[in-house]
Amino acid sequence: MLLIARLFSLQGRAVPESLVYRALLIAILERGNTKAYGHGVRYLMRLRELALKTAEVQGLVPSHADLEASIRQQHGRKTSFCSKV
């Protein structure tokens, strides 16, 4: 899936790229694989960059602020992830 996100990035397609990174990040957090948290942090940082480009699709997908709030609420006790963010 990461390859797909990178292809979308090369094509300048921010919305599908952000959807792929969201799916990757959520999968990492739900699995609780601490070895992958570094990747998750990088995906979150990329999502923050993409949030500026994808503001026009609000209403179709949850906003980036809503995504981060959801992550804090559902995964806030995962201190090894939160400390890296």
C-alpha atoms as a PDB file:
ATOM      1  CA  MET A   1       0.000   0.000   0.000  1.00  0.00           C
ATOM      2  CA  LEU A   2       2.900   2.327   0.622  1.00  0.00           C
ATOM      3  CA  LEU A   3       3.839   2.057  -3.038  1.00  0.00           C
ATOM      4  CA  ILE A   4       0.314   3.100  -3.970  1.00  0.00           C
ATOM      5  CA  ALA A   5       0.576   6.165  -1.712  1.00  0.00           C
ATOM      6  CA  ARG A   6       3.871   7.114  -3.318  1.00  0.00           C
ATOM      7  CA  LEU A   7       2.392   6.756  -6.798  1.00  0.00           C
ATOM      8  CA  PHE A   8      -0.470   9.053  -5.830  1.00  0.00           C
ATOM      9  CA  SER A   9       2.090  11.513  -4.470  1.00  0.00           C
ATOM     10  CA  LEU A  10       4.014  11.512  -7.748  1.00  0.00           C
ATOM     11  CA  GLN A  11       0.772  12.169  -9.602  1.00  0.00           C
ATOM     12  CA  GLY A  12      -0.126  15.038  -7.268  1.00  0.00           C
ATOM     13  CA  ARG A  13      -3.271  13.292  -6.069  1.00  0.00           C
ATOM     14  CA  ALA A  14      -3.370  14.360  -2.420  1.00  0.00           C
ATOM     15  CA  VAL A  15      -6.802  12.991  -1.501  1.00  0.00           C
ATOM     16  CA  PRO A  16      -6.198   9.336  -2.427  1.00  0.00           C
ATOM     17  CA  GLU A  17      -2.680   9.564  -1.018  1.00  0.00           C
ATOM     18  CA  SER A  18      -4.045  10.746   2.318  1.00  0.00           C
ATOM     19  CA  LEU A  19      -6.640   7.956   2.368  1.00  0.00           C
ATOM     20  CA  VAL A  20      -3.910   5.351   1.912  1.00  0.00           C
ATOM     21  CA  TYR A  21      -1.750   6.866   4.649  1.00  0.00           C
ATOM     22  CA  ARG A  22      -4.763   6.993   6.983  1.00  0.00           C
ATOM     23  CA  ALA A  23      -5.418   3.306   6.389  1.00  0.00           C
ATOM     24  CA  LEU A  24      -1.771   2.435   7.008  1.00  0.00           C
ATOM     25  CA  LEU A  25      -1.600   4.492  10.202  1.00  0.00           C
ATOM     26  CA  ILE A  26      -4.809   3.086  11.632  1.00  0.00           C
ATOM     27  CA  ALA A  27      -3.706  -0.474  10.827  1.00  0.00           C
ATOM     28  CA  ILE A  28      -0.413   0.056  12.663  1.00  0.00           C
ATOM     29  CA  LEU A  29      -2.156   1.458  15.723  1.00  0.00           C
ATOM     30  CA  GLU A  30      -4.860  -1.190  15.816  1.00  0.00           C
ATOM     31  CA  ARG A  31      -2.316  -3.994  15.596  1.00  0.00           C
ATOM     32  CA  GLY A  32      -0.258  -2.387  18.351  1.00  0.00           C
ATOM     33  CA  ASN A  33       2.997  -3.342  16.657  1.00  0.00           C
ATOM     34  CA  THR A  34       5.464  -1.106  18.482  1.00  0.00           C
ATOM     35  CA  LYS A  35       8.203  -1.817  15.926  1.00  0.00           C
ATOM     36  CA  ALA A  36       6.044  -0.128  13.271  1.00  0.00           C
ATOM     37  CA  TYR A  37       5.279   3.003  15.316  1.00  0.00           C
ATOM     38  CA  GLY A  38       8.152   4.891  13.670  1.00  0.00           C
ATOM     39  CA  HIS A  39       6.473   4.338  10.311  1.00  0.00           C
ATOM     40  CA  GLY A  40       3.166   5.443  11.808  1.00  0.00           C
ATOM     41  CA  VAL A  41       4.712   8.689  13.007  1.00  0.00           C
ATOM     42  CA  ARG A  42       6.082   9.371   9.520  1.00  0.00           C
ATOM     43  CA  TYR A  43       2.645   8.676   8.035  1.00  0.00           C
ATOM     44  CA  LEU A  44       1.045  11.054  10.527  1.00  0.00           C
ATOM     45  CA  MET A  45       3.541  13.789   9.628  1.00  0.00           C
ATOM     46  CA  ARG A  46       2.778  13.263   5.929  1.00  0.00           C
ATOM     47  CA  LEU A  47      -0.935  13.419   6.693  1.00  0.00           C
ATOM     48  CA  ARG A  48      -0.395  16.768   8.410  1.00  0.00           C
ATOM     49  CA  GLU A  49       1.252  18.063   5.226  1.00  0.00           C
ATOM     50  CA  LEU A  50      -1.529  16.679   3.057  1.00  0.00           C
ATOM     51  CA  ALA A  51      -4.213  18.197   5.295  1.00  0.00           C
ATOM     52  CA  LEU A  52      -3.395  21.606   3.811  1.00  0.00           C
ATOM     53  CA  LYS A  53      -4.046  20.275   0.307  1.00  0.00           C
ATOM     54  CA  THR A  54      -7.141  18.241   1.094  1.00  0.00           C
ATOM     55  CA  ALA A  55      -9.187  20.788   3.017  1.00  0.00           C
ATOM     56  CA  GLU A  56     -11.592  21.053   0.082  1.00  0.00           C
ATOM     57  CA  VAL A  57     -12.930  17.513   0.628  1.00  0.00           C
ATOM     58  CA  GLN A  58     -14.177  18.124   4.125  1.00  0.00           C
ATOM     59  CA  GLY A  59     -17.494  16.456   4.552  1.00  0.00           C
ATOM     60  CA  LEU A  60     -16.479  13.497   2.387  1.00  0.00           C
ATOM     61  CA  VAL A  61     -13.893  12.208   4.851  1.00  0.00           C
ATOM     62  CA  PRO A  62     -13.215  13.194   8.462  1.00  0.00           C
ATOM     63  CA  SER A  63     -10.915  16.185   8.749  1.00  0.00           C
ATOM     64  CA  HIS A  64      -7.323  15.736   9.816  1.00  0.00           C
ATOM     65  CA  ALA A  65      -8.115  17.331  13.176  1.00  0.00           C
ATOM     66  CA  ASP A  66     -10.885  14.768  13.686  1.00  0.00           C
ATOM     67  CA  LEU A  67      -8.493  11.976  12.725  1.00  0.00           C
ATOM     68  CA  GLU A  68      -5.906  13.108  15.274  1.00  0.00           C
ATOM     69  CA  ALA A  69      -8.572  13.495  17.957  1.00  0.00           C
ATOM     70  CA  SER A  70      -9.796   9.979  17.233  1.00  0.00           C
ATOM     71  CA  ILE A  71      -6.244   8.630  17.454  1.00  0.00           C
ATOM     72  CA  ARG A  72      -5.700  10.377  20.785  1.00  0.00           C
ATOM     73  CA  GLN A  73      -8.973   9.023  22.131  1.00  0.00           C
ATOM     74  CA  GLN A  74      -8.581   5.438  20.923  1.00  0.00           C
ATOM     75  CA  HIS A  75      -4.813   5.022  21.137  1.00  0.00           C
ATOM     76  CA  GLY A  76      -3.718   7.649  23.662  1.00  0.00           C
ATOM     77  CA  ARG A  77      -2.445   5.001  26.070  1.00  0.00           C
ATOM     78  CA  LYS A  78       0.112   3.793  23.533  1.00  0.00           C
ATOM     79  CA  THR A  79       2.848   5.895  25.044  1.00  0.00           C
ATOM     80  CA  SER A  80       5.588   4.534  22.797  1.00  0.00           C
ATOM     81  CA  PHE A  81       3.684   5.973  19.807  1.00  0.00           C
ATOM     82  CA  CYS A  82       2.506   9.202  21.430  1.00  0.00           C
ATOM     83  CA  SER A  83       5.992  10.026  22.725  1.00  0.00           C
ATOM     84  CA  LYS A  84       7.324   9.915  19.151  1.00  0.00           C
ATOM     85  CA  VAL A  85       4.662  12.281  17.863  1.00  0.00           C
END
